[in-house]
Protein backbone atom coordinates (compact mmCIF):
# COMPACT_ATOMS: atom_id res chain seq x y z
CA ALA A 1 98.98 146.77 -32.66
CA GLU A 2 98.72 149.49 -29.98
CA ALA A 3 98.64 148.48 -26.39
CA PRO A 4 95.31 149.35 -24.55
CA ALA A 5 95.75 152.27 -22.34
CA PRO A 6 95.93 151.32 -18.57
CA GLU A 7 92.65 153.11 -17.80
CA ALA A 8 90.87 151.23 -20.49
CA TRP A 9 92.18 147.82 -19.02
CA ARG A 10 90.97 148.71 -15.83
CA ASN A 11 87.40 149.72 -16.88
CA ALA A 12 87.35 146.42 -18.80
CA ILE A 13 88.07 144.48 -15.72
CA GLY A 14 85.85 146.29 -13.55
CA GLY A 15 82.97 146.47 -15.85
CA PRO A 16 79.80 144.66 -15.47
CA LEU A 17 80.98 141.57 -17.44
CA SER A 18 83.87 141.07 -15.12
CA ARG A 19 81.61 141.41 -12.10
CA TRP A 20 79.31 138.81 -13.37
CA ALA A 21 82.07 136.51 -13.99
CA TRP A 22 83.32 136.86 -10.43
CA THR A 23 79.91 136.14 -9.02
CA GLN A 24 79.52 132.98 -11.20
CA ILE A 25 82.63 131.37 -9.76
CA GLU A 26 81.34 128.50 -7.36
CA PRO A 27 82.58 128.87 -3.72
CA SER A 28 85.48 126.50 -3.11
CA LEU A 29 84.88 123.43 -0.82
CA PRO A 30 85.48 124.04 2.76
CA ILE A 31 88.87 123.03 3.80
CA GLN A 32 88.96 120.10 6.35
CA GLU A 33 91.26 120.74 9.03
CA ALA A 34 93.64 118.02 9.82
CA ALA A 35 92.84 115.67 13.13
CA PRO A 36 94.95 116.48 15.81
CA ALA A 37 97.66 113.96 16.49
CA PRO A 38 97.04 111.71 19.73
CA GLU A 39 98.98 112.94 22.53
CA VAL A 40 101.82 110.82 23.67
CA LEU A 41 102.49 110.71 27.28
CA PRO A 42 106.09 111.00 28.02
CA THR A 43 107.40 107.68 29.82
CA GLU A 44 109.20 107.77 32.93
CA PRO A 45 112.66 106.83 32.99
CA PRO A 46 113.50 103.56 34.74
CA ARG A 47 114.05 104.04 38.42
CA ALA A 48 117.48 102.95 39.82
CA ALA A 49 118.02 101.97 43.24
CA MET A 50 119.42 104.87 45.27
CA ILE A 51 121.68 104.08 48.09
CA VAL A 52 121.28 107.01 50.74
CA PRO A 53 123.69 106.80 53.45
CA LEU A 54 122.12 106.69 57.11
CA PRO A 55 122.90 109.82 59.43
CA VAL A 56 125.87 109.73 61.66
CA PRO A 57 125.07 109.45 65.28
CA ARG A 58 125.25 112.70 67.19
CA PRO A 59 128.21 112.81 69.67
CA PRO A 60 127.03 112.41 73.28
CA GLU A 61 128.44 115.67 74.29
CA PHE A 62 125.87 117.33 71.72
CA ARG A 63 122.90 115.17 72.66
CA SER A 64 120.07 116.77 74.42
CA PRO A 65 119.23 115.55 77.97
CA ARG A 66 116.33 113.43 78.45
CA SER A 67 113.41 115.22 79.93
CA PRO A 68 111.90 114.22 83.25
CA ASP A 69 108.78 113.08 81.43
CA LEU A 70 110.39 110.83 79.33
CA ALA A 71 112.37 109.28 82.03
CA ARG A 72 109.22 108.73 84.08
CA ARG A 73 107.64 107.00 81.10
CA ALA A 74 110.51 104.79 80.67
CA GLU A 75 110.40 103.73 84.47
CA ARG A 76 106.71 102.96 84.20
CA ARG A 77 107.35 100.89 81.20
CA ILE A 78 109.99 98.90 82.84
CA ALA A 79 107.94 98.55 86.08
CA ARG A 80 105.11 96.97 83.93
CA ARG A 81 107.36 94.58 82.34
CA GLU A 82 108.74 93.45 85.69
CA PRO A 83 106.62 90.82 87.51
CA ALA A 84 105.09 91.91 90.85
CA PRO A 85 106.88 90.66 93.76
CA VAL A 86 105.08 87.81 95.53
CA LEU A 87 104.43 88.34 99.30
CA VAL A 88 105.18 85.30 100.94
CA GLN A 89 103.09 85.00 104.35
CA PRO A 90 104.93 83.63 107.20
CA ARG A 91 103.77 80.28 108.49
CA GLU A 92 102.32 80.00 111.80
CA ASP A 93 104.65 77.92 114.13
CA ASP A 94 102.48 75.28 115.34
CA ARG A 95 105.05 72.84 116.50
CA SER A 96 104.69 71.08 119.87
CA PHE A 97 106.59 72.07 122.88
CA LEU A 98 109.21 68.98 122.41
CA GLU A 99 109.54 69.95 118.54
CA LYS A 100 110.52 73.26 119.51
CA LEU A 101 112.87 72.43 122.26
CA PHE A 102 114.88 69.84 120.01
CA GLY A 103 114.70 72.10 116.98
CA VAL A 104 112.66 69.62 114.83
CA GLU A 105 111.22 71.19 111.72
CA ARG A 106 108.20 69.58 110.14
CA ALA A 107 108.46 68.69 106.47
CA PRO A 108 106.30 70.73 104.22
CA GLY A 109 102.94 68.98 103.40
CA LEU A 110 101.79 67.94 100.07
CA ALA A 111 98.39 68.97 98.80
CA TYR A 112 96.20 66.38 97.39
CA ALA A 113 92.61 66.31 96.14
CA ALA A 114 90.12 65.12 98.39
CA LEU A 115 88.94 61.35 97.65
CA GLU A 116 85.57 61.95 99.88
CA SER A 117 82.66 63.29 98.16
CA ARG A 118 81.73 65.03 101.36
CA PRO A 119 83.50 67.99 102.63
CA ALA A 120 86.16 67.49 105.52
CA ASP A 121 84.97 68.24 108.94
CA LEU A 122 86.63 71.60 109.85
CA VAL A 123 85.76 71.56 113.62
CA PRO A 124 88.98 70.60 115.64
CA GLN A 125 88.44 67.54 117.58
CA ARG A 126 89.37 67.48 121.17
CA ARG A 127 92.63 65.58 121.85
CA ILE A 128 92.40 62.55 124.55
CA SER A 129 95.91 62.45 125.02
CA PRO A 130 97.35 65.32 127.39
CA PRO A 131 99.08 68.04 125.64
CA LEU A 132 102.94 68.36 125.71
CA ALA A 133 104.54 70.73 128.36
CA PRO A 134 104.83 74.30 127.41
CA THR A 135 108.42 75.62 126.69
CA ASP A 136 109.16 77.22 130.09
CA ALA A 137 108.25 74.11 132.21
CA ARG A 138 111.15 74.60 134.77
CA PRO A 139 111.30 76.64 137.88
CA THR A 140 112.19 80.15 137.03
CA ALA A 141 111.71 83.58 138.52
CA GLY A 142 108.01 83.75 139.36
CA THR A 143 107.25 80.28 137.87
CA ALA A 144 106.53 77.02 139.66
CA VAL A 145 106.12 73.46 138.04
CA TYR A 146 103.69 71.09 139.02
CA ASN A 147 104.33 67.18 137.82
CA ILE A 148 101.11 65.43 138.04
CA ALA A 149 102.83 61.87 137.77
CA ALA A 150 105.56 62.91 140.47
CA ARG A 151 102.74 64.33 142.70
CA VAL A 152 104.87 67.30 143.41
CA VAL A 153 105.24 71.28 142.94
CA ILE A 154 108.39 72.71 142.75
CA LEU A 155 108.73 76.27 143.55
CA PRO A 156 111.15 78.84 141.97
CA SER A 157 113.39 78.53 145.13
CA GLY A 158 113.84 74.65 144.56
CA GLU A 159 111.40 74.10 147.50
CA ARG A 160 109.21 70.87 146.89
CA LEU A 161 105.49 70.56 148.06
CA GLU A 162 103.40 67.42 147.88
CA ALA A 163 100.48 68.10 145.63
CA HIS A 164 97.53 66.07 144.06
CA SER A 165 94.64 66.55 141.54
CA GLY A 166 91.85 64.42 140.25
CA LEU A 167 89.18 62.33 141.73
CA GLY A 168 88.67 58.45 142.04
CA GLU A 169 90.02 56.71 139.14
CA GLY A 170 91.29 60.09 137.79
CA PHE A 171 93.45 60.70 141.00
CA ASP A 172 96.76 61.87 139.50
CA GLU A 173 96.33 60.09 136.42
CA PRO A 174 97.69 62.19 133.50
CA ARG A 175 95.58 60.14 130.66
CA MET A 176 92.25 61.52 132.06
CA VAL A 177 93.15 65.13 132.15
CA ASN A 178 90.27 65.83 129.58
CA VAL A 179 87.37 64.46 131.90
CA ARG A 180 85.73 67.20 133.79
CA MET A 181 85.29 67.08 137.52
CA ARG A 182 87.48 63.82 137.57
CA GLY A 183 90.52 64.13 135.88
CA PRO A 184 93.60 65.93 136.89
CA THR A 185 94.66 69.59 136.36
CA PRO A 186 95.18 69.58 132.54
CA PRO A 187 98.81 70.35 131.36
CA GLY A 188 99.57 73.89 130.38
CA THR A 189 100.56 77.44 131.85
CA TYR A 190 98.40 79.00 134.28
CA ASP A 191 98.46 82.73 135.77
CA LEU A 192 97.84 82.87 139.45
CA LYS A 193 95.55 85.32 141.21
CA GLU A 194 93.89 85.16 144.58
CA ARG A 195 90.18 84.18 144.44
CA GLU A 196 87.78 87.19 145.41
CA GLN A 197 86.02 85.27 147.88
CA LEU A 198 87.20 82.56 150.38
CA PHE A 199 86.62 79.10 149.00
CA HIS A 200 85.18 76.83 151.66
CA GLY A 201 86.84 79.21 154.18
CA VAL A 202 90.15 78.73 152.34
CA ARG A 203 92.12 81.64 150.48
CA ALA A 204 92.13 79.72 147.28
CA ILE A 205 94.17 80.79 144.26
CA ARG A 206 92.51 80.92 140.83
CA LEU A 207 94.27 79.08 137.94
CA THR A 208 93.53 81.15 134.72
CA PRO A 209 94.89 79.14 131.60
CA VAL A 210 97.04 80.99 129.18
CA GLY A 211 95.25 80.61 125.84
CA GLY A 212 91.57 80.29 127.33
CA ASN A 213 89.70 77.38 128.56
CA GLU A 214 89.73 75.65 125.08
CA ALA A 215 93.60 75.36 125.56
CA VAL A 216 92.59 72.90 128.68
CA TYR A 217 89.88 70.91 127.17
CA GLY A 218 87.21 73.60 128.14
CA ARG A 219 87.71 73.09 131.81
CA ASP A 220 87.20 76.07 134.13
CA GLY A 221 86.99 76.95 137.45
CA LEU A 222 90.43 75.44 138.44
CA LEU A 223 91.99 76.45 142.10
CA ALA A 224 94.93 75.52 144.13
CA HIS A 225 93.88 74.97 147.92
CA THR A 226 94.39 72.53 150.79
CA TYR A 227 93.21 69.12 150.96
CA MET A 228 89.23 69.15 150.65
CA LEU A 229 87.88 65.84 149.38
CA GLY A 230 89.76 63.18 151.76
CA PRO A 231 92.88 62.63 153.25
CA ARG A 232 94.97 61.66 150.24
CA GLY A 233 94.17 65.09 148.31
CA ASP A 234 91.45 64.11 145.88
CA SER A 235 90.06 67.21 143.95
CA ASN A 236 87.52 68.03 141.04
CA GLY A 237 90.56 69.09 138.97
CA CYS A 238 92.17 71.70 141.30
CA VAL A 239 95.63 71.32 142.71
CA SER A 240 95.51 70.53 146.36
CA PHE A 241 98.48 70.77 148.56
CA ARG A 242 99.33 68.89 151.69
CA ASP A 243 100.88 72.00 152.85
CA TYR A 244 98.93 74.63 151.05
CA ASP A 245 100.17 77.65 153.47
CA ARG A 246 103.64 77.33 152.20
CA PHE A 247 102.61 77.81 148.57
CA LEU A 248 100.02 80.78 149.58
CA GLN A 249 102.77 82.38 151.33
CA ALA A 250 105.25 81.99 148.39
CA TYR A 251 102.52 83.61 146.19
CA LEU A 252 101.71 86.56 148.57
CA ARG A 253 105.45 87.30 148.82
CA GLY A 254 105.49 87.52 144.94
CA GLU A 255 107.76 84.49 144.49
CA VAL A 256 105.25 82.43 142.29
CA GLN A 257 103.05 84.39 139.98
CA ARG A 258 102.65 81.41 137.42
CA LEU A 259 102.07 77.68 137.43
CA VAL A 260 103.27 75.36 134.75
CA VAL A 261 101.58 71.95 134.76
CA VAL A 262 103.32 68.99 133.26
CA ALA A 263 102.12 65.39 132.55
CA GLY A 264 104.59 63.14 134.16
CA THR A 265 108.25 62.06 134.55
CA GLN A 266 108.33 61.06 131.08
CA ASP A 267 108.76 64.76 130.14
CA PRO A 268 112.57 65.79 129.88
CA LEU A 269 112.17 69.18 131.25
CA PRO A 270 110.33 68.07 134.56
CA SER A 271 113.36 65.87 134.96
CA LEU A 272 115.78 68.92 134.66
CA ALA A 273 113.40 70.94 136.89
CA MET A 274 113.54 68.14 139.69
CA GLY A 275 117.32 67.73 139.25
CA SER A 276 117.84 71.43 139.81
CA ALA A 277 115.62 71.14 142.92
CA ARG A 278 117.42 68.39 144.41
CA THR A 279 120.74 70.36 143.65
CA GLN A 280 119.18 73.38 145.73
CA MET A 281 118.28 70.98 148.46
CA ALA A 282 121.50 69.48 148.72
CA ARG A 283 122.76 73.00 148.87
CA ASN A 284 120.49 73.75 151.88
CA GLY A 285 121.59 70.61 153.60
CA ASN A 286 118.27 68.70 153.01
């Protein structure tokens, strides 16, 4: 048979029947897309310990100098670490005359809690026994020594003058120097100054205690004068001289400006002073 012509084949395909056949074909089912695969996170490789070398210290010649601020801060830190210096207050030397003379050092006192419930009495009590002689209890330039028990005043020149003090049972009695108006002149050091007015017609010399009246049991108004209360030289605490004019003239010449009073012959320094006085008298041929 004869093959259909190309144009006839085309018309047969593109005719109404063909178009109907194409329209009757069911649409194909929708193509389902494949679900995406789960994302796999990349795993980190195990970390290995890394050995890092330390930096080499910089040579000293290449190091930068320390700034003043850093140096000051370092000094402040060192100062804060160091303990503050403890200031030790010097202890007052309250030793007696004999302790100072012979170099006796007092042992440090120990602190204990008080056993009594009431506080201790802080008011100092007056001593009944006479105080010890001061350190300069020897006749020196401008200083005379009055020994109560020896009943003598030794001038700086070595001259000895008879002198007394005290009244009645307190006459020349060193144990009663604390008794007002009756005891002898209390031991101590006295500056001498002529009284502003005459004392019962006599140019008396005023005795001013070094350290105030409290240093001599609160006694005041002490003088040096001649005998006034009897032939033996009684007084109310003043130093009374048998030959007062010789003491007054030594004061007026400037030979005596201070009087040191000691209790008695039991004191070592008055013995030395009396020994020097005897030596002076021997030199003068007395």
